[in-house]
Each structure stands twice: as structure tokens, then as C-alpha cells.
Amino acid sequence: MKALLIVVSLGACLGMGYLASAMITPKAHKTAVKSQDRFAQAIDQAHDLYAALAAVNFNPALADKNLQFLPDQDFSEDPQFHDNHTSAFSIPRWEGYQNRVAFYTEIFVQMHRDAPVGDSVAVHPTGDYIVCKWDGTVQTVPISDVRFAPATGPSGDKRSYPVFPGMPQYATADKLW
């Protein structure tokens, strides 16, 4: 089998924002093109989901369930998405999102965690969030442009939520890497 030496924009092929030069076999090239198609499909689906949610006053329980799941969510690093009972799209209710972000998905983000050392673990994140604003605009946001703000979960647990460029909290939110 022949291998092709090509420079691949993984931003175009996998929804990730970096370039790589590698030996790509024809099979790997087909996989990368398929991933590119799936990323484009997810963006189109986000537009469709926005229209469906807008038609039911943004009540996800009344919106088409098929639009809330993505074929690639089985590949997410977060196992909660693997069962196809959890929507691929997060519809945030936090105060900072009001009138800014209608929903987003992190399915195309990978953290690439190193083995834990003591109480810490290093991450090398890649990928893009797909973000839909309240006006229906869908955009991709590279993980390198995302910051995180602290929040308290429904059960009182401490967590963080993503903050995207243009949100007021962006200037004061933490960049984790």
C-alpha cells in the first residue's frame, strides 16, 4: 500500500485548529474526509436544531430529539455522551449565557490528558466547540479561544463552564492551559 506525504489541515478535516504533516494512507485520508463531512453535518444540524427550538420557545423537551444527537458523540471523551440518551448539545441556563449562547457542543473537543501526577493532570486540548448564539448564528470556536468560569452545579458541586469570546465574563475567566 502506498502512503501519501501531505500536509493536512486538521481544522478542515477534523474540526481542529492546527496543522500536521504526516504520512497519510489512502484509508486514513478517507477517514479524515469523512470526519470533515461529519463536522460540517454537525454545523448544519446546529442550524436545524436552532430552528426547531425557536419553534417551541426553546423547550428542548418539545424539540425534535433526533436533532439533539450527533453520530460522532460515541467518540466523545466524556462517557455521558456514549449512551445516546444525553443530548450532544448543551442548552445552558447559567446567568452568563442569557441572551448570548442558545446552545453549544463540545463533542469535537479532545483534552488529551497526560497521566496524573499527584493531584494534577496536564491537558493538551484540541478541537472546536460548535456554538449557536441566540440570534441563530452558528460558529466554531477553537478550544484555544475558550476560557472557563467557576459555577456551582445543581447538587452544590463545584464545576466550570465554557466562556466564549464576546461574552462579558471572557475577560475575567480562566484559561486552563
N, C-alpha and C. Protein backbone atom coordinates (compact mmCIF):
# COMPACT_ATOMS: atom_id res chain seq x y z
N MET A 1 0.84 -1.17 0.00
CA MET A 1 0.00 0.00 0.00
C MET A 1 0.89 1.24 0.00
N LYS A 2 0.57 2.17 -0.87
CA LYS A 2 1.35 3.40 -0.93
C LYS A 2 0.82 4.39 0.10
N ALA A 3 1.73 5.16 0.63
CA ALA A 3 1.34 6.21 1.57
C ALA A 3 1.63 7.54 0.91
N LEU A 4 0.81 8.52 1.17
CA LEU A 4 0.98 9.84 0.62
C LEU A 4 1.53 10.75 1.69
N LEU A 5 2.53 11.55 1.36
CA LEU A 5 3.02 12.56 2.29
C LEU A 5 2.31 13.84 1.93
N ILE A 6 1.42 14.28 2.80
CA ILE A 6 0.67 15.51 2.55
C ILE A 6 0.60 16.31 3.83
N VAL A 7 0.37 17.60 3.67
CA VAL A 7 0.12 18.45 4.82
C VAL A 7 -1.38 18.55 4.94
N VAL A 8 -1.89 18.16 6.09
CA VAL A 8 -3.32 18.10 6.30
C VAL A 8 -3.71 19.22 7.26
N SER A 9 -4.69 19.99 6.89
CA SER A 9 -5.25 20.94 7.83
C SER A 9 -6.28 20.18 8.64
N LEU A 10 -5.92 19.84 9.87
CA LEU A 10 -6.86 19.11 10.70
C LEU A 10 -8.04 19.98 11.08
N GLY A 11 -7.88 21.29 10.96
CA GLY A 11 -9.03 22.17 11.16
C GLY A 11 -10.09 21.88 10.12
N ALA A 12 -9.66 21.61 8.91
CA ALA A 12 -10.60 21.28 7.85
C ALA A 12 -11.07 19.85 7.96
N CYS A 13 -10.18 18.94 8.35
CA CYS A 13 -10.54 17.52 8.35
C CYS A 13 -11.24 17.06 9.61
N LEU A 14 -10.85 17.59 10.74
CA LEU A 14 -11.41 17.08 12.00
C LEU A 14 -12.02 18.17 12.87
N GLY A 15 -12.09 19.39 12.36
CA GLY A 15 -12.62 20.45 13.17
C GLY A 15 -11.65 20.91 14.23
N MET A 16 -10.37 20.74 13.98
CA MET A 16 -9.36 21.12 14.96
C MET A 16 -8.49 22.21 14.36
N GLY A 17 -7.93 23.03 15.21
CA GLY A 17 -7.24 24.20 14.73
C GLY A 17 -5.73 24.09 14.69
N TYR A 18 -5.15 23.10 14.06
CA TYR A 18 -3.71 23.06 13.91
C TYR A 18 -3.34 22.31 12.66
N LEU A 19 -2.11 22.49 12.21
CA LEU A 19 -1.63 21.81 11.02
C LEU A 19 -0.72 20.66 11.41
N ALA A 20 -0.74 19.63 10.61
CA ALA A 20 0.15 18.50 10.87
C ALA A 20 0.66 17.98 9.54
N SER A 21 1.89 17.56 9.52
CA SER A 21 2.46 16.92 8.36
C SER A 21 2.69 15.47 8.76
N ALA A 22 2.14 14.56 7.98
CA ALA A 22 2.23 13.15 8.38
C ALA A 22 2.12 12.26 7.16
N MET A 23 2.49 11.02 7.35
CA MET A 23 2.27 10.02 6.32
C MET A 23 0.81 9.61 6.41
N ILE A 24 0.07 9.85 5.38
CA ILE A 24 -1.36 9.55 5.38
C ILE A 24 -1.62 8.45 4.35
N THR A 25 -2.14 7.34 4.79
CA THR A 25 -2.50 6.28 3.86
C THR A 25 -3.82 6.65 3.19
N PRO A 26 -4.14 6.06 2.06
CA PRO A 26 -5.43 6.36 1.44
C PRO A 26 -6.62 6.11 2.39
N LYS A 27 -6.54 5.06 3.22
CA LYS A 27 -7.61 4.77 4.17
C LYS A 27 -7.73 5.90 5.21
N ALA A 28 -6.59 6.38 5.72
CA ALA A 28 -6.61 7.47 6.70
C ALA A 28 -7.16 8.74 6.06
N HIS A 29 -6.83 8.97 4.79
CA HIS A 29 -7.34 10.15 4.09
C HIS A 29 -8.87 10.08 4.00
N LYS A 30 -9.41 8.90 3.67
CA LYS A 30 -10.86 8.74 3.60
C LYS A 30 -11.50 8.99 4.96
N THR A 31 -10.85 8.54 6.03
CA THR A 31 -11.36 8.77 7.38
C THR A 31 -11.37 10.26 7.70
N ALA A 32 -10.30 10.97 7.32
CA ALA A 32 -10.23 12.41 7.59
C ALA A 32 -11.32 13.15 6.81
N VAL A 33 -11.55 12.77 5.57
CA VAL A 33 -12.60 13.41 4.77
C VAL A 33 -13.97 13.12 5.38
N LYS A 34 -14.18 11.88 5.83
CA LYS A 34 -15.44 11.51 6.49
C LYS A 34 -15.64 12.35 7.75
N SER A 35 -14.57 12.57 8.53
CA SER A 35 -14.65 13.39 9.74
C SER A 35 -15.00 14.83 9.38
N GLN A 36 -14.43 15.34 8.30
CA GLN A 36 -14.73 16.69 7.84
C GLN A 36 -16.22 16.78 7.50
N ASP A 37 -16.73 15.76 6.82
CA ASP A 37 -18.15 15.75 6.48
C ASP A 37 -19.02 15.72 7.73
N ARG A 38 -18.62 14.95 8.72
CA ARG A 38 -19.39 14.86 9.97
C ARG A 38 -19.38 16.19 10.72
N PHE A 39 -18.25 16.89 10.70
CA PHE A 39 -18.17 18.19 11.36
C PHE A 39 -19.09 19.18 10.65
N ALA A 40 -19.06 19.18 9.31
CA ALA A 40 -19.95 20.05 8.54
C ALA A 40 -21.41 19.67 8.80
N GLN A 41 -21.69 18.38 8.90
CA GLN A 41 -23.04 17.91 9.21
C GLN A 41 -23.49 18.42 10.57
N ALA A 42 -22.59 18.42 11.55
CA ALA A 42 -22.93 18.90 12.89
C ALA A 42 -23.26 20.40 12.87
N ILE A 43 -22.54 21.15 12.07
CA ILE A 43 -22.83 22.59 11.95
C ILE A 43 -24.21 22.79 11.33
N ASP A 44 -24.50 22.04 10.25
CA ASP A 44 -25.83 22.12 9.63
C ASP A 44 -26.91 21.70 10.62
N GLN A 45 -26.64 20.67 11.38
CA GLN A 45 -27.61 20.19 12.36
C GLN A 45 -27.85 21.23 13.45
N ALA A 46 -26.83 21.98 13.81
CA ALA A 46 -26.99 23.04 14.81
C ALA A 46 -27.96 24.11 14.29
N HIS A 47 -27.86 24.45 13.01
CA HIS A 47 -28.82 25.39 12.41
C HIS A 47 -30.24 24.84 12.50
N ASP A 48 -30.40 23.55 12.16
CA ASP A 48 -31.71 22.91 12.21
C ASP A 48 -32.25 22.85 13.64
N LEU A 49 -31.37 22.55 14.58
CA LEU A 49 -31.79 22.49 15.98
C LEU A 49 -32.25 23.85 16.46
N TYR A 50 -31.55 24.90 16.07
CA TYR A 50 -31.96 26.25 16.47
C TYR A 50 -33.37 26.54 15.97
N ALA A 51 -33.65 26.22 14.71
CA ALA A 51 -34.99 26.45 14.14
C ALA A 51 -36.04 25.64 14.90
N ALA A 52 -35.72 24.38 15.22
CA ALA A 52 -36.66 23.53 15.95
C ALA A 52 -36.91 24.07 17.36
N LEU A 53 -35.86 24.51 18.03
CA LEU A 53 -36.01 25.06 19.38
C LEU A 53 -36.79 26.38 19.35
N ALA A 54 -36.50 27.22 18.38
CA ALA A 54 -37.20 28.50 18.27
C ALA A 54 -38.70 28.28 18.08
N ALA A 55 -39.07 27.22 17.35
CA ALA A 55 -40.48 26.93 17.09
C ALA A 55 -41.23 26.48 18.35
N VAL A 56 -40.51 26.01 19.37
CA VAL A 56 -41.15 25.54 20.61
C VAL A 56 -40.67 26.35 21.82
N ASN A 57 -40.36 27.62 21.58
CA ASN A 57 -39.95 28.54 22.64
C ASN A 57 -38.75 28.01 23.43
N PHE A 58 -37.82 27.39 22.74
CA PHE A 58 -36.57 26.88 23.30
C PHE A 58 -36.77 25.87 24.43
N ASN A 59 -37.80 25.08 24.30
CA ASN A 59 -38.04 23.99 25.25
C ASN A 59 -37.52 22.70 24.61
N PRO A 60 -36.34 22.20 25.04
CA PRO A 60 -35.76 21.03 24.40
C PRO A 60 -36.63 19.78 24.50
N ALA A 61 -37.50 19.70 25.49
CA ALA A 61 -38.38 18.53 25.63
C ALA A 61 -39.38 18.45 24.47
N LEU A 62 -39.68 19.59 23.85
CA LEU A 62 -40.64 19.62 22.76
C LEU A 62 -39.99 19.62 21.38
N ALA A 63 -38.68 19.79 21.33
CA ALA A 63 -37.97 19.84 20.04
C ALA A 63 -37.66 18.43 19.55
N ASP A 64 -37.45 18.30 18.26
CA ASP A 64 -37.12 17.01 17.64
C ASP A 64 -35.89 16.40 18.30
N LYS A 65 -36.06 15.25 18.93
CA LYS A 65 -34.95 14.60 19.64
C LYS A 65 -33.83 14.19 18.70
N ASN A 66 -34.15 13.82 17.46
CA ASN A 66 -33.11 13.40 16.52
C ASN A 66 -32.11 14.51 16.24
N LEU A 67 -32.54 15.76 16.35
CA LEU A 67 -31.63 16.88 16.11
C LEU A 67 -30.69 17.11 17.29
N GLN A 68 -30.99 16.52 18.43
CA GLN A 68 -30.20 16.77 19.63
C GLN A 68 -29.04 15.79 19.81
N PHE A 69 -28.90 14.85 18.89
CA PHE A 69 -27.83 13.85 18.96
C PHE A 69 -26.99 13.90 17.71
N LEU A 70 -25.69 13.61 17.85
CA LEU A 70 -24.76 13.59 16.71
C LEU A 70 -24.17 12.20 16.55
N PRO A 71 -23.91 11.79 15.31
CA PRO A 71 -23.31 10.47 15.10
C PRO A 71 -21.96 10.31 15.80
N ASP A 72 -21.20 11.39 15.90
CA ASP A 72 -19.86 11.32 16.48
C ASP A 72 -19.84 11.36 17.99
N GLN A 73 -20.98 11.48 18.64
CA GLN A 73 -20.91 11.61 20.10
C GLN A 73 -20.43 10.33 20.76
N ASP A 74 -20.47 9.21 20.07
CA ASP A 74 -19.90 7.97 20.61
C ASP A 74 -18.39 8.07 20.78
N PHE A 75 -17.75 9.01 20.06
CA PHE A 75 -16.30 9.17 20.14
C PHE A 75 -15.88 10.24 21.14
N SER A 76 -16.84 10.85 21.82
CA SER A 76 -16.53 11.88 22.80
C SER A 76 -15.69 11.31 23.93
N GLU A 77 -14.82 12.14 24.49
CA GLU A 77 -14.05 11.72 25.67
C GLU A 77 -14.95 11.58 26.89
N ASP A 78 -16.08 12.25 26.88
CA ASP A 78 -16.99 12.23 28.02
C ASP A 78 -17.97 11.07 27.84
N PRO A 79 -17.89 10.05 28.69
CA PRO A 79 -18.73 8.86 28.52
C PRO A 79 -20.23 9.12 28.62
N GLN A 80 -20.64 10.24 29.21
CA GLN A 80 -22.08 10.51 29.30
C GLN A 80 -22.73 10.62 27.93
N PHE A 81 -21.94 10.94 26.90
CA PHE A 81 -22.49 11.08 25.55
C PHE A 81 -22.58 9.75 24.81
N HIS A 82 -21.97 8.70 25.33
CA HIS A 82 -21.89 7.43 24.62
C HIS A 82 -23.21 6.66 24.61
N ASP A 83 -24.10 6.93 25.53
CA ASP A 83 -25.32 6.14 25.64
C ASP A 83 -26.45 6.60 24.73
N ASN A 84 -26.25 7.71 24.04
CA ASN A 84 -27.27 8.28 23.16
C ASN A 84 -28.57 8.61 23.90
N HIS A 85 -28.45 8.84 25.20
CA HIS A 85 -29.58 9.34 25.98
C HIS A 85 -29.30 10.79 26.39
N THR A 86 -28.08 11.23 26.20
CA THR A 86 -27.67 12.58 26.57
C THR A 86 -27.46 13.38 25.30
N SER A 87 -28.14 14.50 25.19
CA SER A 87 -28.02 15.34 24.01
C SER A 87 -26.56 15.76 23.79
N ALA A 88 -26.14 15.81 22.54
CA ALA A 88 -24.80 16.28 22.20
C ALA A 88 -24.68 17.78 22.41
N PHE A 89 -25.82 18.46 22.45
CA PHE A 89 -25.84 19.91 22.58
C PHE A 89 -26.25 20.30 24.00
N SER A 90 -25.45 21.17 24.61
CA SER A 90 -25.77 21.69 25.94
C SER A 90 -26.57 22.97 25.77
N ILE A 91 -27.67 23.04 26.46
CA ILE A 91 -28.52 24.23 26.43
C ILE A 91 -28.36 24.89 27.80
N PRO A 92 -27.43 25.84 27.89
CA PRO A 92 -27.06 26.38 29.20
C PRO A 92 -28.14 27.27 29.80
N ARG A 93 -28.21 27.21 31.10
CA ARG A 93 -29.14 28.05 31.85
C ARG A 93 -28.40 29.01 32.78
N TRP A 94 -27.08 29.00 32.73
CA TRP A 94 -26.32 29.89 33.61
C TRP A 94 -26.56 31.33 33.22
N GLU A 95 -26.50 32.18 34.21
CA GLU A 95 -26.79 33.59 34.03
C GLU A 95 -25.95 34.23 32.91
N GLY A 96 -24.68 33.87 32.83
CA GLY A 96 -23.80 34.49 31.85
C GLY A 96 -24.15 34.19 30.41
N TYR A 97 -24.94 33.16 30.17
CA TYR A 97 -25.30 32.79 28.81
C TYR A 97 -26.56 33.48 28.32
N GLN A 98 -27.36 34.03 29.22
CA GLN A 98 -28.63 34.59 28.83
C GLN A 98 -28.46 35.62 27.72
N ASN A 99 -29.25 35.47 26.68
CA ASN A 99 -29.24 36.35 25.51
C ASN A 99 -27.92 36.35 24.76
N ARG A 100 -27.10 35.32 24.96
CA ARG A 100 -25.83 35.23 24.25
C ARG A 100 -25.66 33.89 23.55
N VAL A 101 -25.70 32.81 24.31
CA VAL A 101 -25.48 31.47 23.76
C VAL A 101 -26.75 30.64 23.95
N ALA A 102 -27.31 30.19 22.82
CA ALA A 102 -28.51 29.35 22.89
C ALA A 102 -28.12 27.92 23.25
N PHE A 103 -27.05 27.40 22.61
CA PHE A 103 -26.54 26.07 22.92
C PHE A 103 -25.16 25.91 22.31
N TYR A 104 -24.48 24.86 22.73
CA TYR A 104 -23.16 24.54 22.20
C TYR A 104 -22.93 23.04 22.31
N THR A 105 -21.91 22.56 21.59
CA THR A 105 -21.48 21.17 21.76
C THR A 105 -19.97 21.13 21.87
N GLU A 106 -19.51 20.22 22.71
CA GLU A 106 -18.08 20.00 22.91
C GLU A 106 -17.66 18.65 22.35
N ILE A 107 -18.51 18.03 21.56
CA ILE A 107 -18.24 16.69 21.03
C ILE A 107 -16.93 16.65 20.24
N PHE A 108 -16.58 17.75 19.59
CA PHE A 108 -15.38 17.77 18.75
C PHE A 108 -14.16 18.33 19.48
N VAL A 109 -14.17 18.29 20.81
CA VAL A 109 -13.04 18.73 21.63
C VAL A 109 -12.43 17.51 22.30
N GLN A 110 -11.13 17.42 22.23
CA GLN A 110 -10.40 16.35 22.93
C GLN A 110 -9.38 17.00 23.86
N MET A 111 -9.30 16.50 25.07
CA MET A 111 -8.40 17.09 26.07
C MET A 111 -7.00 16.47 26.07
N HIS A 112 -6.84 15.28 25.58
CA HIS A 112 -5.52 14.62 25.54
C HIS A 112 -4.81 14.76 26.89
N ARG A 113 -5.36 14.12 27.89
CA ARG A 113 -4.82 14.20 29.25
C ARG A 113 -3.59 13.32 29.41
N ASP A 114 -2.58 13.86 30.11
CA ASP A 114 -1.41 13.07 30.49
C ASP A 114 -1.79 12.24 31.72
N ALA A 115 -0.96 11.31 32.05
CA ALA A 115 -1.16 10.53 33.27
C ALA A 115 -1.10 11.47 34.47
N PRO A 116 -1.98 11.30 35.45
CA PRO A 116 -1.96 12.18 36.62
C PRO A 116 -0.63 12.12 37.37
N VAL A 117 -0.22 13.28 37.84
CA VAL A 117 0.96 13.39 38.69
C VAL A 117 0.49 14.05 39.97
N GLY A 118 0.40 13.25 41.02
CA GLY A 118 -0.12 13.78 42.28
C GLY A 118 -1.59 14.15 42.12
N ASP A 119 -1.92 15.41 42.47
CA ASP A 119 -3.30 15.88 42.37
C ASP A 119 -3.58 16.62 41.07
N SER A 120 -2.65 16.63 40.14
CA SER A 120 -2.86 17.39 38.91
C SER A 120 -2.64 16.51 37.68
N VAL A 121 -3.18 16.98 36.58
CA VAL A 121 -3.02 16.31 35.30
C VAL A 121 -2.87 17.39 34.23
N ALA A 122 -1.92 17.19 33.34
CA ALA A 122 -1.72 18.14 32.25
C ALA A 122 -2.64 17.75 31.09
N VAL A 123 -3.18 18.76 30.42
CA VAL A 123 -4.01 18.53 29.25
C VAL A 123 -3.42 19.27 28.06
N HIS A 124 -3.68 18.71 26.89
CA HIS A 124 -3.23 19.29 25.63
C HIS A 124 -4.44 19.32 24.70
N PRO A 125 -5.35 20.27 24.92
CA PRO A 125 -6.63 20.25 24.22
C PRO A 125 -6.51 20.60 22.73
N THR A 126 -7.38 19.97 21.96
CA THR A 126 -7.51 20.28 20.53
C THR A 126 -8.99 20.24 20.19
N GLY A 127 -9.33 20.82 19.09
CA GLY A 127 -10.69 20.77 18.58
C GLY A 127 -11.43 22.08 18.69
N ASP A 128 -12.68 22.01 18.33
CA ASP A 128 -13.54 23.19 18.30
C ASP A 128 -14.87 22.91 18.97
N TYR A 129 -15.39 23.93 19.64
CA TYR A 129 -16.78 23.92 20.08
C TYR A 129 -17.61 24.40 18.90
N ILE A 130 -18.83 23.91 18.79
CA ILE A 130 -19.81 24.47 17.88
C ILE A 130 -20.77 25.23 18.77
N VAL A 131 -20.92 26.54 18.51
CA VAL A 131 -21.69 27.42 19.38
C VAL A 131 -22.79 28.09 18.57
N CYS A 132 -24.01 28.04 19.08
CA CYS A 132 -25.12 28.74 18.45
C CYS A 132 -25.53 29.89 19.35
N LYS A 133 -25.51 31.09 18.80
CA LYS A 133 -25.91 32.27 19.57
C LYS A 133 -27.42 32.43 19.51
N TRP A 134 -27.95 33.30 20.35
CA TRP A 134 -29.39 33.50 20.43
C TRP A 134 -29.98 34.05 19.14
N ASP A 135 -29.16 34.69 18.31
CA ASP A 135 -29.68 35.19 17.03
C ASP A 135 -29.68 34.13 15.94
N GLY A 136 -29.27 32.90 16.27
CA GLY A 136 -29.26 31.81 15.31
C GLY A 136 -27.94 31.63 14.58
N THR A 137 -26.98 32.50 14.84
CA THR A 137 -25.67 32.38 14.23
C THR A 137 -24.94 31.18 14.82
N VAL A 138 -24.43 30.32 13.95
CA VAL A 138 -23.65 29.16 14.40
C VAL A 138 -22.20 29.41 14.03
N GLN A 139 -21.31 29.22 14.99
CA GLN A 139 -19.89 29.42 14.73
C GLN A 139 -19.08 28.33 15.39
N THR A 140 -17.88 28.15 14.89
CA THR A 140 -16.94 27.25 15.55
C THR A 140 -15.98 28.09 16.36
N VAL A 141 -15.67 27.62 17.55
CA VAL A 141 -14.74 28.33 18.43
C VAL A 141 -13.63 27.36 18.80
N PRO A 142 -12.40 27.64 18.35
CA PRO A 142 -11.29 26.75 18.71
C PRO A 142 -11.12 26.69 20.23
N ILE A 143 -10.76 25.53 20.72
CA ILE A 143 -10.59 25.35 22.17
C ILE A 143 -9.57 26.35 22.72
N SER A 144 -8.62 26.76 21.90
CA SER A 144 -7.61 27.72 22.37
C SER A 144 -8.22 29.08 22.67
N ASP A 145 -9.42 29.36 22.15
CA ASP A 145 -10.10 30.64 22.41
C ASP A 145 -11.15 30.54 23.52
N VAL A 146 -11.31 29.36 24.11
CA VAL A 146 -12.33 29.16 25.14
C VAL A 146 -11.69 29.33 26.51
N ARG A 147 -12.42 29.97 27.40
CA ARG A 147 -12.00 30.11 28.79
C ARG A 147 -13.06 29.49 29.67
N PHE A 148 -12.78 29.39 30.95
CA PHE A 148 -13.72 28.71 31.84
C PHE A 148 -13.98 29.55 33.09
N ALA A 149 -15.23 29.54 33.53
CA ALA A 149 -15.63 30.28 34.74
C ALA A 149 -16.19 29.30 35.75
N PRO A 150 -15.97 29.56 37.03
CA PRO A 150 -16.49 28.65 38.06
C PRO A 150 -18.01 28.73 38.17
N ALA A 151 -18.60 27.63 38.57
CA ALA A 151 -20.05 27.57 38.77
C ALA A 151 -20.34 26.52 39.83
N THR A 152 -21.53 26.58 40.38
CA THR A 152 -22.00 25.56 41.31
C THR A 152 -23.09 24.77 40.62
N GLY A 153 -22.92 23.46 40.57
CA GLY A 153 -23.89 22.60 39.91
C GLY A 153 -25.17 22.47 40.71
N PRO A 154 -26.18 21.80 40.12
CA PRO A 154 -27.48 21.65 40.78
C PRO A 154 -27.41 20.98 42.14
N SER A 155 -26.43 20.09 42.33
CA SER A 155 -26.32 19.40 43.62
C SER A 155 -25.28 20.06 44.54
N GLY A 156 -24.88 21.28 44.19
CA GLY A 156 -23.92 22.00 45.02
C GLY A 156 -22.46 21.70 44.70
N ASP A 157 -22.23 20.87 43.68
CA ASP A 157 -20.86 20.53 43.32
C ASP A 157 -20.20 21.68 42.56
N LYS A 158 -18.90 21.79 42.72
CA LYS A 158 -18.14 22.83 42.04
C LYS A 158 -17.78 22.34 40.65
N ARG A 159 -17.97 23.18 39.66
CA ARG A 159 -17.63 22.85 38.28
C ARG A 159 -17.27 24.13 37.55
N SER A 160 -16.97 24.01 36.30
CA SER A 160 -16.70 25.20 35.49
C SER A 160 -17.50 25.08 34.21
N TYR A 161 -17.75 26.20 33.59
CA TYR A 161 -18.47 26.19 32.32
C TYR A 161 -17.68 27.01 31.30
N PRO A 162 -17.81 26.65 30.02
CA PRO A 162 -17.04 27.36 28.99
C PRO A 162 -17.57 28.77 28.77
N VAL A 163 -16.64 29.67 28.56
CA VAL A 163 -16.95 31.06 28.25
C VAL A 163 -16.34 31.35 26.88
N PHE A 164 -17.17 31.85 25.97
CA PHE A 164 -16.74 32.06 24.60
C PHE A 164 -16.44 33.53 24.34
N PRO A 165 -15.59 33.84 23.35
CA PRO A 165 -15.30 35.24 23.02
C PRO A 165 -16.60 36.01 22.79
N GLY A 166 -16.62 37.24 23.29
CA GLY A 166 -17.79 38.09 23.14
C GLY A 166 -18.69 38.10 24.37
N MET A 167 -18.49 37.14 25.27
CA MET A 167 -19.29 37.12 26.49
C MET A 167 -18.63 38.04 27.51
N PRO A 168 -19.42 38.73 28.34
CA PRO A 168 -18.83 39.66 29.31
C PRO A 168 -17.82 39.02 30.25
N GLN A 169 -18.03 37.76 30.64
CA GLN A 169 -17.12 37.09 31.58
C GLN A 169 -15.79 36.71 30.93
N TYR A 170 -15.68 36.84 29.61
CA TYR A 170 -14.50 36.35 28.91
C TYR A 170 -13.21 37.00 29.42
N ALA A 171 -13.26 38.28 29.72
CA ALA A 171 -12.06 38.99 30.16
C ALA A 171 -11.54 38.50 31.51
N THR A 172 -12.44 38.01 32.36
CA THR A 172 -12.02 37.60 33.70
C THR A 172 -11.99 36.08 33.90
N ALA A 173 -12.46 35.34 32.90
CA ALA A 173 -12.48 33.87 33.04
C ALA A 173 -11.08 33.30 32.91
N ASP A 174 -10.90 32.10 33.44
CA ASP A 174 -9.59 31.44 33.44
C ASP A 174 -9.33 30.71 32.14
N LYS A 175 -8.11 30.80 31.70
CA LYS A 175 -7.67 29.96 30.59
C LYS A 175 -6.94 28.79 31.26
N LEU A 176 -7.38 27.59 31.01
CA LEU A 176 -6.87 26.43 31.75
C LEU A 176 -5.54 25.92 31.23
N TRP A 177 -5.05 26.42 30.13
CA TRP A 177 -3.80 25.93 29.58
C TRP A 177 -2.98 27.06 29.01
